Amino acid sequence: MAELPISVDSLKRFWNAQVHDPNKWAFNMKFLRAAGMFAGSVIFIRNFGESVAL
């Protein structure tokens, strides 16, 4: 079987480092909130763009 370039242990370490560090968690929450707002606005404009246009 082919060797994976990223091991499961390294993914677990990365996940724990991002989630359990308060400074990184705060940045990640801001990033996720911004990405969600962007995705929501894209979906909104795709669905209701013609009725919003002037």
PDB file of N, CA and C in Angstrom:
ATOM      1  N   MET A   1       0.839  -1.185   0.000  1.00  0.00           N
ATOM      2  CA  MET A   1       0.000   0.000   0.000  1.00  0.00           C
ATOM      3  C   MET A   1       0.883   1.248   0.000  1.00  0.00           C
ATOM      4  N   ALA A   2       0.459   2.261  -0.689  1.00  0.00           N
ATOM      5  CA  ALA A   2       1.250   3.485  -0.817  1.00  0.00           C
ATOM      6  C   ALA A   2       1.314   4.223   0.516  1.00  0.00           C
ATOM      7  N   GLU A   3       2.456   4.799   0.770  1.00  0.00           N
ATOM      8  CA  GLU A   3       2.671   5.576   1.989  1.00  0.00           C
ATOM      9  C   GLU A   3       1.993   6.940   1.838  1.00  0.00           C
ATOM     10  N   LEU A   4       1.186   7.313   2.821  1.00  0.00           N
ATOM     11  CA  LEU A   4       0.509   8.606   2.782  1.00  0.00           C
ATOM     12  C   LEU A   4       1.500   9.712   3.133  1.00  0.00           C
ATOM     13  N   PRO A   5       1.445  10.850   2.444  1.00  0.00           N
ATOM     14  CA  PRO A   5       2.376  11.937   2.766  1.00  0.00           C
ATOM     15  C   PRO A   5       2.073  12.588   4.119  1.00  0.00           C
ATOM     16  N   ILE A   6       0.839  12.489   4.581  1.00  0.00           N
ATOM     17  CA  ILE A   6       0.455  13.058   5.875  1.00  0.00           C
ATOM     18  C   ILE A   6      -0.110  11.936   6.726  1.00  0.00           C
ATOM     19  N   SER A   7       0.450  11.768   7.920  1.00  0.00           N
ATOM     20  CA  SER A   7      -0.029  10.691   8.782  1.00  0.00           C
ATOM     21  C   SER A   7      -1.224  11.162   9.608  1.00  0.00           C
ATOM     22  N   VAL A   8      -1.940  10.204  10.137  1.00  0.00           N
ATOM     23  CA  VAL A   8      -3.099  10.510  10.975  1.00  0.00           C
ATOM     24  C   VAL A   8      -2.649  11.210  12.250  1.00  0.00           C
ATOM     25  N   ASP A   9      -1.496  10.796  12.795  1.00  0.00           N
ATOM     26  CA  ASP A   9      -0.993  11.436  14.012  1.00  0.00           C
ATOM     27  C   ASP A   9      -0.663  12.908  13.781  1.00  0.00           C
ATOM     28  N   SER A  10      -0.086  13.228  12.633  1.00  0.00           N
ATOM     29  CA  SER A  10       0.223  14.637  12.371  1.00  0.00           C
ATOM     30  C   SER A  10      -1.058  15.452  12.196  1.00  0.00           C
ATOM     31  N   LEU A  11      -2.092  14.848  11.609  1.00  0.00           N
ATOM     32  CA  LEU A  11      -3.376  15.549  11.505  1.00  0.00           C
ATOM     33  C   LEU A  11      -3.996  15.774  12.874  1.00  0.00           C
ATOM     34  N   LYS A  12      -3.893  14.778  13.758  1.00  0.00           N
ATOM     35  CA  LYS A  12      -4.412  14.935  15.120  1.00  0.00           C
ATOM     36  C   LYS A  12      -3.662  16.025  15.865  1.00  0.00           C
ATOM     37  N   ARG A  13      -2.327  16.059  15.718  1.00  0.00           N
ATOM     38  CA  ARG A  13      -1.539  17.108  16.380  1.00  0.00           C
ATOM     39  C   ARG A  13      -1.925  18.481  15.853  1.00  0.00           C
ATOM     40  N   PHE A  14      -2.099  18.600  14.540  1.00  0.00           N
ATOM     41  CA  PHE A  14      -2.489  19.884  13.954  1.00  0.00           C
ATOM     42  C   PHE A  14      -3.861  20.315  14.456  1.00  0.00           C
ATOM     43  N   TRP A  15      -4.825  19.388  14.473  1.00  0.00           N
ATOM     44  CA  TRP A  15      -6.179  19.690  14.942  1.00  0.00           C
ATOM     45  C   TRP A  15      -6.150  20.157  16.390  1.00  0.00           C
ATOM     46  N   ASN A  16      -5.442  19.421  17.244  1.00  0.00           N
ATOM     47  CA  ASN A  16      -5.382  19.783  18.659  1.00  0.00           C
ATOM     48  C   ASN A  16      -4.669  21.112  18.860  1.00  0.00           C
ATOM     49  N   ALA A  17      -3.636  21.384  18.076  1.00  0.00           N
ATOM     50  CA  ALA A  17      -2.929  22.660  18.198  1.00  0.00           C
ATOM     51  C   ALA A  17      -3.828  23.820  17.786  1.00  0.00           C
ATOM     52  N   GLN A  18      -4.676  23.626  16.793  1.00  0.00           N
ATOM     53  CA  GLN A  18      -5.547  24.703  16.332  1.00  0.00           C
ATOM     54  C   GLN A  18      -6.743  24.913  17.252  1.00  0.00           C
ATOM     55  N   VAL A  19      -7.275  23.833  17.809  1.00  0.00           N
ATOM     56  CA  VAL A  19      -8.502  23.928  18.600  1.00  0.00           C
ATOM     57  C   VAL A  19      -8.220  24.311  20.045  1.00  0.00           C
ATOM     58  N   HIS A  20      -7.162  23.789  20.629  1.00  0.00           N
ATOM     59  CA  HIS A  20      -6.933  23.988  22.058  1.00  0.00           C
ATOM     60  C   HIS A  20      -6.087  25.212  22.395  1.00  0.00           C
ATOM     61  N   ASP A  21      -5.543  25.899  21.415  1.00  0.00           N
ATOM     62  CA  ASP A  21      -4.800  27.132  21.659  1.00  0.00           C
ATOM     63  C   ASP A  21      -5.769  28.303  21.525  1.00  0.00           C
ATOM     64  N   PRO A  22      -5.994  29.066  22.603  1.00  0.00           N
ATOM     65  CA  PRO A  22      -7.005  30.139  22.556  1.00  0.00           C
ATOM     66  C   PRO A  22      -6.733  31.196  21.479  1.00  0.00           C
ATOM     67  N   ASN A  23      -5.468  31.541  21.255  1.00  0.00           N
ATOM     68  CA  ASN A  23      -5.168  32.557  20.240  1.00  0.00           C
ATOM     69  C   ASN A  23      -5.483  32.051  18.841  1.00  0.00           C
ATOM     70  N   LYS A  24      -5.110  30.825  18.552  1.00  0.00           N
ATOM     71  CA  LYS A  24      -5.399  30.267  17.231  1.00  0.00           C
ATOM     72  C   LYS A  24      -6.892  30.021  17.066  1.00  0.00           C
ATOM     73  N   TRP A  25      -7.572  29.619  18.147  1.00  0.00           N
ATOM     74  CA  TRP A  25      -9.011  29.361  18.073  1.00  0.00           C
ATOM     75  C   TRP A  25      -9.762  30.651  17.760  1.00  0.00           C
ATOM     76  N   ALA A  26      -9.339  31.751  18.362  1.00  0.00           N
ATOM     77  CA  ALA A  26      -9.997  33.033  18.098  1.00  0.00           C
ATOM     78  C   ALA A  26      -9.842  33.418  16.624  1.00  0.00           C
ATOM     79  N   PHE A  27      -8.647  33.261  16.078  1.00  0.00           N
ATOM     80  CA  PHE A  27      -8.442  33.573  14.658  1.00  0.00           C
ATOM     81  C   PHE A  27      -9.257  32.641  13.777  1.00  0.00           C
ATOM     82  N   ASN A  28      -9.269  31.358  14.112  1.00  0.00           N
ATOM     83  CA  ASN A  28     -10.007  30.393  13.294  1.00  0.00           C
ATOM     84  C   ASN A  28     -11.502  30.693  13.304  1.00  0.00           C
ATOM     85  N   MET A  29     -12.041  31.116  14.446  1.00  0.00           N
ATOM     86  CA  MET A  29     -13.459  31.457  14.499  1.00  0.00           C
ATOM     87  C   MET A  29     -13.756  32.691  13.646  1.00  0.00           C
ATOM     88  N   LYS A  30     -12.872  33.687  13.686  1.00  0.00           N
ATOM     89  CA  LYS A  30     -13.057  34.868  12.837  1.00  0.00           C
ATOM     90  C   LYS A  30     -13.005  34.478  11.364  1.00  0.00           C
ATOM     91  N   PHE A  31     -12.061  33.605  11.024  1.00  0.00           N
ATOM     92  CA  PHE A  31     -11.919  33.164   9.640  1.00  0.00           C
ATOM     93  C   PHE A  31     -13.142  32.380   9.188  1.00  0.00           C
ATOM     94  N   LEU A  32     -13.625  31.453  10.021  1.00  0.00           N
ATOM     95  CA  LEU A  32     -14.803  30.662   9.667  1.00  0.00           C
ATOM     96  C   LEU A  32     -16.046  31.533   9.547  1.00  0.00           C
ATOM     97  N   ARG A  33     -16.178  32.516  10.425  1.00  0.00           N
ATOM     98  CA  ARG A  33     -17.318  33.427  10.358  1.00  0.00           C
ATOM     99  C   ARG A  33     -17.270  34.242   9.063  1.00  0.00           C
ATOM    100  N   ALA A  34     -16.088  34.729   8.703  1.00  0.00           N
ATOM    101  CA  ALA A  34     -15.954  35.505   7.465  1.00  0.00           C
ATOM    102  C   ALA A  34     -16.231  34.633   6.243  1.00  0.00           C
ATOM    103  N   ALA A  35     -15.735  33.409   6.245  1.00  0.00           N
ATOM    104  CA  ALA A  35     -15.978  32.504   5.115  1.00  0.00           C
ATOM    105  C   ALA A  35     -17.463  32.168   5.008  1.00  0.00           C
ATOM    106  N   GLY A  36     -18.127  31.986   6.141  1.00  0.00           N
ATOM    107  CA  GLY A  36     -19.561  31.710   6.129  1.00  0.00           C
ATOM    108  C   GLY A  36     -20.370  32.887   5.617  1.00  0.00           C
ATOM    109  N   MET A  37     -19.988  34.094   6.023  1.00  0.00           N
ATOM    110  CA  MET A  37     -20.678  35.287   5.525  1.00  0.00           C
ATOM    111  C   MET A  37     -20.477  35.449   4.023  1.00  0.00           C
ATOM    112  N   PHE A  38     -19.261  35.184   3.545  1.00  0.00           N
ATOM    113  CA  PHE A  38     -18.991  35.282   2.113  1.00  0.00           C
ATOM    114  C   PHE A  38     -19.815  34.259   1.340  1.00  0.00           C
ATOM    115  N   ALA A  39     -19.810  33.016   1.799  1.00  0.00           N
ATOM    116  CA  ALA A  39     -20.567  31.965   1.110  1.00  0.00           C
ATOM    117  C   ALA A  39     -22.062  32.270   1.146  1.00  0.00           C
ATOM    118  N   GLY A  40     -22.550  32.747   2.288  1.00  0.00           N
ATOM    119  CA  GLY A  40     -23.963  33.099   2.390  1.00  0.00           C
ATOM    120  C   GLY A  40     -24.338  34.238   1.470  1.00  0.00           C
ATOM    121  N   SER A  41     -23.474  35.228   1.349  1.00  0.00           N
ATOM    122  CA  SER A  41     -23.782  36.351   0.460  1.00  0.00           C
ATOM    123  C   SER A  41     -23.751  35.925  -1.005  1.00  0.00           C
ATOM    124  N   VAL A  42     -22.840  35.025  -1.361  1.00  0.00           N
ATOM    125  CA  VAL A  42     -22.806  34.525  -2.738  1.00  0.00           C
ATOM    126  C   VAL A  42     -24.092  33.775  -3.052  1.00  0.00           C
ATOM    127  N   ILE A  43     -24.528  32.921  -2.145  1.00  0.00           N
ATOM    128  CA  ILE A  43     -25.765  32.162  -2.355  1.00  0.00           C
ATOM    129  C   ILE A  43     -26.968  33.103  -2.424  1.00  0.00           C
ATOM    130  N   PHE A  44     -27.002  34.093  -1.539  1.00  0.00           N
ATOM    131  CA  PHE A  44     -28.105  35.055  -1.537  1.00  0.00           C
ATOM    132  C   PHE A  44     -28.175  35.813  -2.858  1.00  0.00           C
ATOM    133  N   ILE A  45     -27.043  36.314  -3.325  1.00  0.00           N
ATOM    134  CA  ILE A  45     -27.034  37.087  -4.569  1.00  0.00           C
ATOM    135  C   ILE A  45     -27.373  36.205  -5.768  1.00  0.00           C
ATOM    136  N   ARG A  46     -26.925  34.952  -5.755  1.00  0.00           N
ATOM    137  CA  ARG A  46     -27.276  34.049  -6.865  1.00  0.00           C
ATOM    138  C   ARG A  46     -28.775  33.785  -6.899  1.00  0.00           C
ATOM    139  N   ASN A  47     -29.411  33.697  -5.726  1.00  0.00           N
ATOM    140  CA  ASN A  47     -30.841  33.395  -5.678  1.00  0.00           C
ATOM    141  C   ASN A  47     -31.717  34.632  -5.876  1.00  0.00           C
ATOM    142  N   PHE A  48     -31.327  35.754  -5.281  1.00  0.00           N
ATOM    143  CA  PHE A  48     -32.196  36.930  -5.279  1.00  0.00           C
ATOM    144  C   PHE A  48     -31.562  38.146  -5.948  1.00  0.00           C
ATOM    145  N   GLY A  49     -30.559  37.954  -6.779  1.00  0.00           N
ATOM    146  CA  GLY A  49     -29.833  39.070  -7.384  1.00  0.00           C
ATOM    147  C   GLY A  49     -30.682  39.944  -8.279  1.00  0.00           C
ATOM    148  N   GLU A  50     -31.577  39.341  -9.038  1.00  0.00           N
ATOM    149  CA  GLU A  50     -32.392  40.135  -9.964  1.00  0.00           C
ATOM    150  C   GLU A  50     -33.392  41.008  -9.223  1.00  0.00           C
ATOM    151  N   SER A  51     -33.933  40.511  -8.126  1.00  0.00           N
ATOM    152  CA  SER A  51     -34.905  41.310  -7.384  1.00  0.00           C
ATOM    153  C   SER A  51     -34.227  42.376  -6.525  1.00  0.00           C
ATOM    154  N   VAL A  52     -32.939  42.227  -6.244  1.00  0.00           N
ATOM    155  CA  VAL A  52     -32.209  43.218  -5.458  1.00  0.00           C
ATOM    156  C   VAL A  52     -31.662  44.318  -6.366  1.00  0.00           C
ATOM    157  N   ALA A  53     -31.424  44.008  -7.633  1.00  0.00           N
ATOM    158  CA  ALA A  53     -30.818  44.965  -8.566  1.00  0.00           C
ATOM    159  C   ALA A  53     -31.721  46.185  -8.749  1.00  0.00           C
ATOM    160  N   LEU A  54     -31.092  47.304  -8.936  1.00  0.00           N
ATOM    161  CA  LEU A  54     -31.834  48.559  -9.134  1.00  0.00           C
ATOM    162  C   LEU A  54     -32.228  48.747 -10.561  1.00  0.00           C
TER     163      LEU A  54
END
